[in-house]
Each structure stands twice: as C-alpha cells, then as structure tokens.
Protein backbone atom coordinates (compact mmCIF):
# COMPACT_ATOMS: atom_id res chain seq x y z
CA MET A 1 114.22 87.70 322.03
CA ALA A 2 113.28 88.24 325.69
CA GLN A 3 111.59 91.40 326.85
CA ASN A 4 113.64 93.72 329.08
CA ASP A 5 113.18 93.00 332.77
CA LEU A 6 113.78 96.60 333.82
CA LYS A 7 111.35 99.42 333.28
CA ILE A 8 112.44 103.02 333.59
CA THR A 9 109.45 105.14 334.51
CA THR A 10 110.79 108.24 332.76
CA ASP A 11 112.72 108.63 329.52
CA LYS A 12 115.86 109.51 331.50
CA LEU A 13 117.49 107.61 334.33
CA ALA A 14 116.78 109.41 337.59
CA ILE A 15 119.62 110.07 340.02
CA LEU A 16 118.77 111.54 343.40
CA PRO A 17 120.08 113.99 344.44
CA ASN A 18 121.87 115.47 341.46
CA PRO A 19 124.27 117.08 342.12
CA TYR A 20 125.27 115.08 345.20
CA VAL A 21 127.76 115.52 348.06
CA ASP A 22 128.34 112.11 349.66
CA HIS A 23 126.05 109.56 347.97
CA PHE A 24 123.24 109.19 345.46
CA LEU A 25 120.37 106.80 344.76
CA ILE A 26 119.10 105.40 341.48
CA PRO A 27 115.38 104.48 341.55
CA VAL A 28 114.64 101.72 339.01
CA GLU A 29 111.41 99.78 338.57
CA SER A 30 111.80 96.08 337.78
CA MET A 31 109.16 93.80 336.30
CA THR A 32 110.81 90.65 337.74
CA LYS A 33 113.52 89.56 340.17
CA HIS A 34 116.89 89.35 338.38
CA GLU A 35 120.52 90.48 338.39
CA ALA A 36 121.58 93.85 337.04
CA SER A 37 124.88 95.67 336.70
CA ILE A 38 125.38 99.30 337.65
CA GLU A 39 128.51 100.99 336.32
CA VAL A 40 129.92 104.47 336.86
CA TYR A 41 132.45 105.99 334.45
CA ASP A 42 134.39 109.23 334.71
CA MET A 43 134.19 111.65 331.78
CA ILE A 44 137.21 110.13 330.01
CA GLY A 45 135.66 106.65 330.13
CA ARG A 46 137.47 105.04 333.07
CA LEU A 47 135.34 102.58 335.05
CA MET A 48 135.09 103.98 338.60
CA VAL A 49 132.82 101.32 340.10
CA GLN A 50 130.88 98.28 338.92
CA GLN A 51 128.33 96.72 341.20
CA LYS A 52 125.96 93.80 340.76
CA TYR A 53 122.51 94.32 342.17
CA THR A 54 119.63 91.90 342.58
CA MET A 55 116.50 93.64 341.39
CA THR A 56 113.25 92.76 343.08
CA GLU A 57 109.83 93.20 341.52
CA GLY A 58 108.74 96.81 341.96
CA VAL A 59 110.81 99.93 342.62
CA ASN A 60 114.44 99.38 343.64
CA TYR A 61 116.53 102.15 345.19
CA ILE A 62 120.13 101.43 344.28
CA HIS A 63 122.88 102.93 346.46
CA LEU A 64 126.36 102.70 344.98
CA ASP A 65 129.24 101.77 347.24
CA ASP A 66 132.18 104.22 347.34
CA SER A 67 130.44 107.06 345.47
CA GLU A 68 131.32 109.36 348.39
CA HIS A 69 135.02 108.86 347.53
CA PHE A 70 134.75 110.08 343.93
CA PRO A 71 136.63 113.32 343.17
CA LYS A 72 134.44 116.33 342.35
CA GLY A 73 133.20 116.24 338.77
CA ASN A 74 130.76 114.59 336.36
CA TYR A 75 130.15 110.85 336.02
CA ASN A 76 128.17 108.67 333.63
CA VAL A 77 125.93 106.15 335.44
CA VAL A 78 124.84 103.11 333.38
CA VAL A 79 122.23 100.49 334.37
CA LYS A 80 122.45 97.19 332.43
CA ASN A 81 120.38 94.04 332.57
CA ILE A 82 121.88 90.58 333.18
CA ASN A 83 122.67 90.23 329.46
CA LYS A 84 124.71 93.46 329.63
CA ASN A 85 122.32 95.30 327.34
CA GLU A 86 122.48 98.99 328.19
CA LEU A 87 119.11 100.20 329.35
CA ARG A 88 119.62 103.78 330.50
CA SER A 89 122.39 106.17 331.46
CA ALA A 90 122.58 109.59 333.03
CA ILE A 91 125.18 112.10 334.15
CA VAL A 92 125.60 112.79 337.86
CA THR A 93 127.70 115.57 339.36
CA LYS A 94 129.74 115.19 342.55
CA GLN A 95 130.09 118.52 344.39
C-alpha cells in the first residue's frame, strides 16, 4: 500500500480565516506533486463544491472557487488524495 502523499502539519485541518466572510484558504503540505480533491458539504451532507487541485511539493494554499457565494452557516471541508482516501476534514463557518 502506498504512503499518503499529503502531510497535514497539525492534527486538524487548518482553515484560514475561520470564521470567514468572502473566502478562505486551506494550507496543506504535500510530499510530492499529485492530484487532490477538495470537497465542501453543508451540514445536512449536500455537496456544495468539489474542486480538483494539483498539489506541488511543499506547502499549498488552496482557495476554493465560489465559497463567497455560500449562505451563512457551517460547512465541512474535506481534503482527499487522488485515490479518494479521506485525509482530513474541518468545519468552517461563513459569517
């Protein structure tokens, strides 16, 4: 079994800022260049946005398209590797 390509530098996924007003960033450190999937779900489990992202070696700052259009509330942000294995998730609040 292959080792995960992504490395989260803390035990929780960081989302900056949290809460946010118009957009947020997800800093993720990658060990190699590869494809990842970032998904955002509302609190009843509806997929709000899914975005592919090419990770580069080192720290990647992921900006999600359309996050400024989300209604106010809480959202679950999930970062997955190319094999769709869930790596980390965190809750972000839109003000």
